[in-house]
Amino acid sequence: TLGAALLGYVAGDMIASDAALAAWGAA
């Protein structure tokens, strides 16, 4: 379960750091 949660954390961080969403990250 902890391993799956870690994958979810990395996935969320990946999505938020996508170059196409850079404006949202700055805001």
mmCIF file of all heavy atoms, coordinates in Angstrom:
data_MODEL
# 
_entry.id   MODEL 
# 
loop_
_atom_site.group_PDB 
_atom_site.id 
_atom_site.type_symbol 
_atom_site.label_atom_id 
_atom_site.label_alt_id 
_atom_site.label_comp_id 
_atom_site.label_asym_id 
_atom_site.label_entity_id 
_atom_site.label_seq_id 
_atom_site.pdbx_PDB_ins_code 
_atom_site.Cartn_x 
_atom_site.Cartn_y 
_atom_site.Cartn_z 
_atom_site.occupancy 
_atom_site.B_iso_or_equiv 
_atom_site.pdbx_formal_charge 
_atom_site.auth_seq_id 
_atom_site.auth_comp_id 
_atom_site.auth_asym_id 
_atom_site.auth_atom_id 
_atom_site.pdbx_PDB_model_num 
ATOM 1   N N   . THR A 1 1  ? 0.832  -1.208 0.000   1.00 0.00 ? 1  THR A N   1 
ATOM 2   C CA  . THR A 1 1  ? 0.000  0.000  0.000   1.00 0.00 ? 1  THR A CA  1 
ATOM 3   C C   . THR A 1 1  ? 0.864  1.254  0.000   1.00 0.00 ? 1  THR A C   1 
ATOM 4   O O   . THR A 1 1  ? 0.598  2.213  -0.739  1.00 0.00 ? 1  THR A O   1 
ATOM 5   C CB  . THR A 1 1  ? -0.929 0.011  1.226   1.00 0.00 ? 1  THR A CB  1 
ATOM 6   O OG1 . THR A 1 1  ? -1.724 -1.186 1.226   1.00 0.00 ? 1  THR A OG1 1 
ATOM 7   C CG2 . THR A 1 1  ? -1.849 1.227  1.210   1.00 0.00 ? 1  THR A CG2 1 
ATOM 8   N N   . LEU A 1 2  ? 1.912  1.255  0.824   1.00 0.00 ? 2  LEU A N   1 
ATOM 9   C CA  . LEU A 1 2  ? 2.818  2.403  0.868   1.00 0.00 ? 2  LEU A CA  1 
ATOM 10  C C   . LEU A 1 2  ? 3.535  2.576  -0.470  1.00 0.00 ? 2  LEU A C   1 
ATOM 11  O O   . LEU A 1 2  ? 3.740  3.700  -0.944  1.00 0.00 ? 2  LEU A O   1 
ATOM 12  C CB  . LEU A 1 2  ? 3.841  2.226  1.994   1.00 0.00 ? 2  LEU A CB  1 
ATOM 13  C CG  . LEU A 1 2  ? 3.285  2.293  3.420   1.00 0.00 ? 2  LEU A CG  1 
ATOM 14  C CD1 . LEU A 1 2  ? 4.371  1.963  4.430   1.00 0.00 ? 2  LEU A CD1 1 
ATOM 15  C CD2 . LEU A 1 2  ? 2.704  3.682  3.698   1.00 0.00 ? 2  LEU A CD2 1 
ATOM 16  N N   . GLY A 1 3  ? 3.904  1.456  -1.094  1.00 0.00 ? 3  GLY A N   1 
ATOM 17  C CA  . GLY A 1 3  ? 4.544  1.523  -2.401  1.00 0.00 ? 3  GLY A CA  1 
ATOM 18  C C   . GLY A 1 3  ? 3.615  2.094  -3.452  1.00 0.00 ? 3  GLY A C   1 
ATOM 19  O O   . GLY A 1 3  ? 4.023  2.913  -4.288  1.00 0.00 ? 3  GLY A O   1 
ATOM 20  N N   . ALA A 1 4  ? 2.359  1.672  -3.421  1.00 0.00 ? 4  ALA A N   1 
ATOM 21  C CA  . ALA A 1 4  ? 1.368  2.204  -4.367  1.00 0.00 ? 4  ALA A CA  1 
ATOM 22  C C   . ALA A 1 4  ? 1.150  3.691  -4.132  1.00 0.00 ? 4  ALA A C   1 
ATOM 23  O O   . ALA A 1 4  ? 1.018  4.472  -5.081  1.00 0.00 ? 4  ALA A O   1 
ATOM 24  C CB  . ALA A 1 4  ? 0.051  1.437  -4.225  1.00 0.00 ? 4  ALA A CB  1 
ATOM 25  N N   . ALA A 1 5  ? 1.112  4.096  -2.856  1.00 0.00 ? 5  ALA A N   1 
ATOM 26  C CA  . ALA A 1 5  ? 0.957  5.524  -2.539  1.00 0.00 ? 5  ALA A CA  1 
ATOM 27  C C   . ALA A 1 5  ? 2.152  6.324  -3.059  1.00 0.00 ? 5  ALA A C   1 
ATOM 28  O O   . ALA A 1 5  ? 1.989  7.449  -3.565  1.00 0.00 ? 5  ALA A O   1 
ATOM 29  C CB  . ALA A 1 5  ? 0.815  5.709  -1.030  1.00 0.00 ? 5  ALA A CB  1 
ATOM 30  N N   . LEU A 1 6  ? 3.353  5.748  -2.966  1.00 0.00 ? 6  LEU A N   1 
ATOM 31  C CA  . LEU A 1 6  ? 4.543  6.423  -3.499  1.00 0.00 ? 6  LEU A CA  1 
ATOM 32  C C   . LEU A 1 6  ? 4.423  6.609  -5.012  1.00 0.00 ? 6  LEU A C   1 
ATOM 33  O O   . LEU A 1 6  ? 4.746  7.672  -5.547  1.00 0.00 ? 6  LEU A O   1 
ATOM 34  C CB  . LEU A 1 6  ? 5.794  5.609  -3.165  1.00 0.00 ? 6  LEU A CB  1 
ATOM 35  C CG  . LEU A 1 6  ? 7.104  6.105  -3.802  1.00 0.00 ? 6  LEU A CG  1 
ATOM 36  C CD1 . LEU A 1 6  ? 7.421  7.528  -3.347  1.00 0.00 ? 6  LEU A CD1 1 
ATOM 37  C CD2 . LEU A 1 6  ? 8.254  5.170  -3.468  1.00 0.00 ? 6  LEU A CD2 1 
ATOM 38  N N   . LEU A 1 7  ? 3.928  5.582  -5.710  1.00 0.00 ? 7  LEU A N   1 
ATOM 39  C CA  . LEU A 1 7  ? 3.716  5.706  -7.157  1.00 0.00 ? 7  LEU A CA  1 
ATOM 40  C C   . LEU A 1 7  ? 2.720  6.825  -7.453  1.00 0.00 ? 7  LEU A C   1 
ATOM 41  O O   . LEU A 1 7  ? 2.898  7.596  -8.396  1.00 0.00 ? 7  LEU A O   1 
ATOM 42  C CB  . LEU A 1 7  ? 3.203  4.384  -7.729  1.00 0.00 ? 7  LEU A CB  1 
ATOM 43  C CG  . LEU A 1 7  ? 4.199  3.228  -7.774  1.00 0.00 ? 7  LEU A CG  1 
ATOM 44  C CD1 . LEU A 1 7  ? 3.512  1.971  -8.284  1.00 0.00 ? 7  LEU A CD1 1 
ATOM 45  C CD2 . LEU A 1 7  ? 5.392  3.568  -8.640  1.00 0.00 ? 7  LEU A CD2 1 
ATOM 46  N N   . GLY A 1 8  ? 1.656  6.902  -6.642  1.00 0.00 ? 8  GLY A N   1 
ATOM 47  C CA  . GLY A 1 8  ? 0.673  7.961  -6.814  1.00 0.00 ? 8  GLY A CA  1 
ATOM 48  C C   . GLY A 1 8  ? 1.284  9.332  -6.599  1.00 0.00 ? 8  GLY A C   1 
ATOM 49  O O   . GLY A 1 8  ? 0.983  10.285 -7.328  1.00 0.00 ? 8  GLY A O   1 
ATOM 50  N N   . TYR A 1 9  ? 2.158  9.443  -5.597  1.00 0.00 ? 9  TYR A N   1 
ATOM 51  C CA  . TYR A 1 9  ? 2.823  10.727 -5.321  1.00 0.00 ? 9  TYR A CA  1 
ATOM 52  C C   . TYR A 1 9  ? 3.710  11.139 -6.498  1.00 0.00 ? 9  TYR A C   1 
ATOM 53  O O   . TYR A 1 9  ? 3.668  12.292 -6.952  1.00 0.00 ? 9  TYR A O   1 
ATOM 54  C CB  . TYR A 1 9  ? 3.655  10.619 -4.046  1.00 0.00 ? 9  TYR A CB  1 
ATOM 55  C CG  . TYR A 1 9  ? 4.316  11.926 -3.656  1.00 0.00 ? 9  TYR A CG  1 
ATOM 56  C CD1 . TYR A 1 9  ? 3.675  12.826 -2.814  1.00 0.00 ? 9  TYR A CD1 1 
ATOM 57  C CD2 . TYR A 1 9  ? 5.568  12.271 -4.157  1.00 0.00 ? 9  TYR A CD2 1 
ATOM 58  C CE1 . TYR A 1 9  ? 4.261  14.038 -2.472  1.00 0.00 ? 9  TYR A CE1 1 
ATOM 59  C CE2 . TYR A 1 9  ? 6.161  13.478 -3.823  1.00 0.00 ? 9  TYR A CE2 1 
ATOM 60  C CZ  . TYR A 1 9  ? 5.509  14.355 -2.979  1.00 0.00 ? 9  TYR A CZ  1 
ATOM 61  O OH  . TYR A 1 9  ? 6.095  15.555 -2.652  1.00 0.00 ? 9  TYR A OH  1 
ATOM 62  N N   . VAL A 1 10 ? 4.515  10.192 -6.996  1.00 0.00 ? 10 VAL A N   1 
ATOM 63  C CA  . VAL A 1 10 ? 5.389  10.483 -8.133  1.00 0.00 ? 10 VAL A CA  1 
ATOM 64  C C   . VAL A 1 10 ? 4.555  10.847 -9.357  1.00 0.00 ? 10 VAL A C   1 
ATOM 65  O O   . VAL A 1 10 ? 4.895  11.760 -10.121 1.00 0.00 ? 10 VAL A O   1 
ATOM 66  C CB  . VAL A 1 10 ? 6.307  9.277  -8.433  1.00 0.00 ? 10 VAL A CB  1 
ATOM 67  C CG1 . VAL A 1 10 ? 7.083  9.482  -9.732  1.00 0.00 ? 10 VAL A CG1 1 
ATOM 68  C CG2 . VAL A 1 10 ? 7.278  9.054  -7.276  1.00 0.00 ? 10 VAL A CG2 1 
ATOM 69  N N   . ALA A 1 11 ? 3.424  10.144 -9.548  1.00 0.00 ? 11 ALA A N   1 
ATOM 70  C CA  . ALA A 1 11 ? 2.543  10.418 -10.694 1.00 0.00 ? 11 ALA A CA  1 
ATOM 71  C C   . ALA A 1 11 ? 1.979  11.832 -10.616 1.00 0.00 ? 11 ALA A C   1 
ATOM 72  O O   . ALA A 1 11 ? 1.974  12.572 -11.602 1.00 0.00 ? 11 ALA A O   1 
ATOM 73  C CB  . ALA A 1 11 ? 1.408  9.398  -10.741 1.00 0.00 ? 11 ALA A CB  1 
ATOM 74  N N   . GLY A 1 12 ? 1.488  12.219 -9.443  1.00 0.00 ? 12 GLY A N   1 
ATOM 75  C CA  . GLY A 1 12 ? 0.941  13.564 -9.275  1.00 0.00 ? 12 GLY A CA  1 
ATOM 76  C C   . GLY A 1 12 ? 1.994  14.631 -9.504  1.00 0.00 ? 12 GLY A C   1 
ATOM 77  O O   . GLY A 1 12 ? 1.738  15.659 -10.156 1.00 0.00 ? 12 GLY A O   1 
ATOM 78  N N   . ASP A 1 13 ? 3.201  14.393 -8.999  1.00 0.00 ? 13 ASP A N   1 
ATOM 79  C CA  . ASP A 1 13 ? 4.305  15.337 -9.197  1.00 0.00 ? 13 ASP A CA  1 
ATOM 80  C C   . ASP A 1 13 ? 4.674  15.429 -10.680 1.00 0.00 ? 13 ASP A C   1 
ATOM 81  O O   . ASP A 1 13 ? 4.958  16.522 -11.185 1.00 0.00 ? 13 ASP A O   1 
ATOM 82  C CB  . ASP A 1 13 ? 5.512  14.886 -8.377  1.00 0.00 ? 13 ASP A CB  1 
ATOM 83  C CG  . ASP A 1 13 ? 6.663  15.870 -8.463  1.00 0.00 ? 13 ASP A CG  1 
ATOM 84  O OD1 . ASP A 1 13 ? 6.490  17.017 -8.043  1.00 0.00 ? 13 ASP A OD1 1 
ATOM 85  O OD2 . ASP A 1 13 ? 7.737  15.482 -8.965  1.00 0.00 ? 13 ASP A OD2 1 
ATOM 86  N N   . MET A 1 14 ? 4.663  14.295 -11.384 1.00 0.00 ? 14 MET A N   1 
ATOM 87  C CA  . MET A 1 14 ? 4.953  14.289 -12.822 1.00 0.00 ? 14 MET A CA  1 
ATOM 88  C C   . MET A 1 14 ? 3.931  15.127 -13.584 1.00 0.00 ? 14 MET A C   1 
ATOM 89  O O   . MET A 1 14 ? 4.282  15.938 -14.444 1.00 0.00 ? 14 MET A O   1 
ATOM 90  C CB  . MET A 1 14 ? 4.926  12.855 -13.369 1.00 0.00 ? 14 MET A CB  1 
ATOM 91  C CG  . MET A 1 14 ? 6.186  12.062 -13.154 1.00 0.00 ? 14 MET A CG  1 
ATOM 92  S SD  . MET A 1 14 ? 6.008  10.375 -13.794 1.00 0.00 ? 14 MET A SD  1 
ATOM 93  C CE  . MET A 1 14 ? 5.867  10.699 -15.556 1.00 0.00 ? 14 MET A CE  1 
ATOM 94  N N   . ILE A 1 15 ? 2.656  14.914 -13.275 1.00 0.00 ? 15 ILE A N   1 
ATOM 95  C CA  . ILE A 1 15 ? 1.588  15.627 -13.979 1.00 0.00 ? 15 ILE A CA  1 
ATOM 96  C C   . ILE A 1 15 ? 1.718  17.132 -13.759 1.00 0.00 ? 15 ILE A C   1 
ATOM 97  O O   . ILE A 1 15 ? 1.622  17.939 -14.691 1.00 0.00 ? 15 ILE A O   1 
ATOM 98  C CB  . ILE A 1 15 ? 0.210  15.117 -13.513 1.00 0.00 ? 15 ILE A CB  1 
ATOM 99  C CG1 . ILE A 1 15 ? -0.008 13.670 -13.981 1.00 0.00 ? 15 ILE A CG1 1 
ATOM 100 C CG2 . ILE A 1 15 ? -0.912 16.019 -14.027 1.00 0.00 ? 15 ILE A CG2 1 
ATOM 101 C CD1 . ILE A 1 15 ? -1.222 12.999 -13.382 1.00 0.00 ? 15 ILE A CD1 1 
ATOM 102 N N   . ALA A 1 16 ? 1.962  17.517 -12.493 1.00 0.00 ? 16 ALA A N   1 
ATOM 103 C CA  . ALA A 1 16 ? 2.047  18.944 -12.171 1.00 0.00 ? 16 ALA A CA  1 
ATOM 104 C C   . ALA A 1 16 ? 3.275  19.614 -12.787 1.00 0.00 ? 16 ALA A C   1 
ATOM 105 O O   . ALA A 1 16 ? 3.273  20.826 -13.007 1.00 0.00 ? 16 ALA A O   1 
ATOM 106 C CB  . ALA A 1 16 ? 2.064  19.131 -10.654 1.00 0.00 ? 16 ALA A CB  1 
ATOM 107 N N   . SER A 1 17 ? 4.325  18.820 -13.076 1.00 0.00 ? 17 SER A N   1 
ATOM 108 C CA  . SER A 1 17 ? 5.554  19.408 -13.623 1.00 0.00 ? 17 SER A CA  1 
ATOM 109 C C   . SER A 1 17 ? 5.611  19.335 -15.142 1.00 0.00 ? 17 SER A C   1 
ATOM 110 O O   . SER A 1 17 ? 6.644  19.683 -15.730 1.00 0.00 ? 17 SER A O   1 
ATOM 111 C CB  . SER A 1 17 ? 6.780  18.690 -13.031 1.00 0.00 ? 17 SER A CB  1 
ATOM 112 O OG  . SER A 1 17 ? 6.765  17.316 -13.364 1.00 0.00 ? 17 SER A OG  1 
ATOM 113 N N   . ASP A 1 18 ? 4.511  18.906 -15.787 1.00 0.00 ? 18 ASP A N   1 
ATOM 114 C CA  . ASP A 1 18 ? 4.483  18.867 -17.250 1.00 0.00 ? 18 ASP A CA  1 
ATOM 115 C C   . ASP A 1 18 ? 4.667  20.281 -17.803 1.00 0.00 ? 18 ASP A C   1 
ATOM 116 O O   . ASP A 1 18 ? 4.096  21.245 -17.291 1.00 0.00 ? 18 ASP A O   1 
ATOM 117 C CB  . ASP A 1 18 ? 3.157  18.273 -17.732 1.00 0.00 ? 18 ASP A CB  1 
ATOM 118 C CG  . ASP A 1 18 ? 3.182  17.947 -19.220 1.00 0.00 ? 18 ASP A CG  1 
ATOM 119 O OD1 . ASP A 1 18 ? 3.168  18.887 -20.038 1.00 0.00 ? 18 ASP A OD1 1 
ATOM 120 O OD2 . ASP A 1 18 ? 3.223  16.755 -19.559 1.00 0.00 ? 18 ASP A OD2 1 
ATOM 121 N N   . ALA A 1 19 ? 5.472  20.377 -18.879 1.00 0.00 ? 19 ALA A N   1 
ATOM 122 C CA  . ALA A 1 19 ? 5.760  21.692 -19.472 1.00 0.00 ? 19 ALA A CA  1 
ATOM 123 C C   . ALA A 1 19 ? 4.496  22.397 -19.940 1.00 0.00 ? 19 ALA A C   1 
ATOM 124 O O   . ALA A 1 19 ? 4.420  23.630 -19.923 1.00 0.00 ? 19 ALA A O   1 
ATOM 125 C CB  . ALA A 1 19 ? 6.731  21.521 -20.647 1.00 0.00 ? 19 ALA A CB  1 
ATOM 126 N N   . ALA A 1 20 ? 3.480  21.623 -20.338 1.00 0.00 ? 20 ALA A N   1 
ATOM 127 C CA  . ALA A 1 20 ? 2.242  22.221 -20.833 1.00 0.00 ? 20 ALA A CA  1 
ATOM 128 C C   . ALA A 1 20 ? 1.449  22.883 -19.703 1.00 0.00 ? 20 ALA A C   1 
ATOM 129 O O   . ALA A 1 20 ? 0.566  23.705 -19.956 1.00 0.00 ? 20 ALA A O   1 
ATOM 130 C CB  . ALA A 1 20 ? 1.380  21.166 -21.523 1.00 0.00 ? 20 ALA A CB  1 
ATOM 131 N N   . LEU A 1 21 ? 1.765  22.516 -18.444 1.00 0.00 ? 21 LEU A N   1 
ATOM 132 C CA  . LEU A 1 21 ? 1.029  23.061 -17.296 1.00 0.00 ? 21 LEU A CA  1 
ATOM 133 C C   . LEU A 1 21 ? 1.889  24.047 -16.497 1.00 0.00 ? 21 LEU A C   1 
ATOM 134 O O   . LEU A 1 21 ? 1.597  24.309 -15.329 1.00 0.00 ? 21 LEU A O   1 
ATOM 135 C CB  . LEU A 1 21 ? 0.557  21.919 -16.383 1.00 0.00 ? 21 LEU A CB  1 
ATOM 136 C CG  . LEU A 1 21 ? -0.290 20.823 -17.056 1.00 0.00 ? 21 LEU A CG  1 
ATOM 137 C CD1 . LEU A 1 21 ? -0.637 19.732 -16.045 1.00 0.00 ? 21 LEU A CD1 1 
ATOM 138 C CD2 . LEU A 1 21 ? -1.564 21.419 -17.647 1.00 0.00 ? 21 LEU A CD2 1 
ATOM 139 N N   . ALA A 1 22 ? 2.951  24.545 -17.118 1.00 0.00 ? 22 ALA A N   1 
ATOM 140 C CA  . ALA A 1 22 ? 3.883  25.424 -16.405 1.00 0.00 ? 22 ALA A CA  1 
ATOM 141 C C   . ALA A 1 22 ? 3.198  26.671 -15.850 1.00 0.00 ? 22 ALA A C   1 
ATOM 142 O O   . ALA A 1 22 ? 3.531  27.148 -14.761 1.00 0.00 ? 22 ALA A O   1 
ATOM 143 C CB  . ALA A 1 22 ? 5.027  25.826 -17.336 1.00 0.00 ? 22 ALA A CB  1 
ATOM 144 N N   . ALA A 1 23 ? 2.221  27.197 -16.581 1.00 0.00 ? 23 ALA A N   1 
ATOM 145 C CA  . ALA A 1 23 ? 1.521  28.407 -16.121 1.00 0.00 ? 23 ALA A CA  1 
ATOM 146 C C   . ALA A 1 23 ? 0.773  28.139 -14.822 1.00 0.00 ? 23 ALA A C   1 
ATOM 147 O O   . ALA A 1 23 ? 0.740  28.978 -13.924 1.00 0.00 ? 23 ALA A O   1 
ATOM 148 C CB  . ALA A 1 23 ? 0.551  28.890 -17.200 1.00 0.00 ? 23 ALA A CB  1 
ATOM 149 N N   . TRP A 1 24 ? 0.150  26.957 -14.714 1.00 0.00 ? 24 TRP A N   1 
ATOM 150 C CA  . TRP A 1 24 ? -0.552 26.601 -13.483 1.00 0.00 ? 24 TRP A CA  1 
ATOM 151 C C   . TRP A 1 24 ? 0.428  26.468 -12.325 1.00 0.00 ? 24 TRP A C   1 
ATOM 152 O O   . TRP A 1 24 ? 0.140  26.881 -11.202 1.00 0.00 ? 24 TRP A O   1 
ATOM 153 C CB  . TRP A 1 24 ? -1.307 25.284 -13.672 1.00 0.00 ? 24 TRP A CB  1 
ATOM 154 C CG  . TRP A 1 24 ? -2.541 25.411 -14.509 1.00 0.00 ? 24 TRP A CG  1 
ATOM 155 C CD1 . TRP A 1 24 ? -2.798 26.358 -15.463 1.00 0.00 ? 24 TRP A CD1 1 
ATOM 156 C CD2 . TRP A 1 24 ? -3.689 24.575 -14.449 1.00 0.00 ? 24 TRP A CD2 1 
ATOM 157 N NE1 . TRP A 1 24 ? -4.016 26.155 -16.019 1.00 0.00 ? 24 TRP A NE1 1 
ATOM 158 C CE2 . TRP A 1 24 ? -4.594 25.062 -15.422 1.00 0.00 ? 24 TRP A CE2 1 
ATOM 159 C CE3 . TRP A 1 24 ? -4.034 23.459 -13.707 1.00 0.00 ? 24 TRP A CE3 1 
ATOM 160 C CZ2 . TRP A 1 24 ? -5.829 24.475 -15.646 1.00 0.00 ? 24 TRP A CZ2 1 
ATOM 161 C CZ3 . TRP A 1 24 ? -5.262 22.858 -13.927 1.00 0.00 ? 24 TRP A CZ3 1 
ATOM 162 C CH2 . TRP A 1 24 ? -6.157 23.368 -14.886 1.00 0.00 ? 24 TRP A CH2 1 
ATOM 163 N N   . GLY A 1 25 ? 1.588  25.859 -12.611 1.00 0.00 ? 25 GLY A N   1 
ATOM 164 C CA  . GLY A 1 25 ? 2.590  25.680 -11.558 1.00 0.00 ? 25 GLY A CA  1 
ATOM 165 C C   . GLY A 1 25 ? 3.065  27.010 -11.010 1.00 0.00 ? 25 GLY A C   1 
ATOM 166 O O   . GLY A 1 25 ? 3.320  27.145 -9.811  1.00 0.00 ? 25 GLY A O   1 
ATOM 167 N N   . ALA A 1 26 ? 3.181  28.008 -11.896 1.00 0.00 ? 26 ALA A N   1 
ATOM 168 C CA  . ALA A 1 26 ? 3.616  29.334 -11.447 1.00 0.00 ? 26 ALA A CA  1 
ATOM 169 C C   . ALA A 1 26 ? 2.524  30.051 -10.665 1.00 0.00 ? 26 ALA A C   1 
ATOM 170 O O   . ALA A 1 26 ? 2.800  30.845 -9.767  1.00 0.00 ? 26 ALA A O   1 
ATOM 171 C CB  . ALA A 1 26 ? 4.033  30.171 -12.663 1.00 0.00 ? 26 ALA A CB  1 
ATOM 172 N N   . ALA A 1 27 ? 1.264  29.746 -10.991 1.00 0.00 ? 27 ALA A N   1 
ATOM 173 C CA  . ALA A 1 27 ? 0.140  30.447 -10.352 1.00 0.00 ? 27 ALA A CA  1 
ATOM 174 C C   . ALA A 1 27 ? -0.240 29.843 -9.004  1.00 0.00 ? 27 ALA A C   1 
ATOM 175 O O   . ALA A 1 27 ? -0.793 30.531 -8.149  1.00 0.00 ? 27 ALA A O   1 
ATOM 176 C CB  . ALA A 1 27 ? -1.074 30.429 -11.284 1.00 0.00 ? 27 ALA A CB  1 
# 
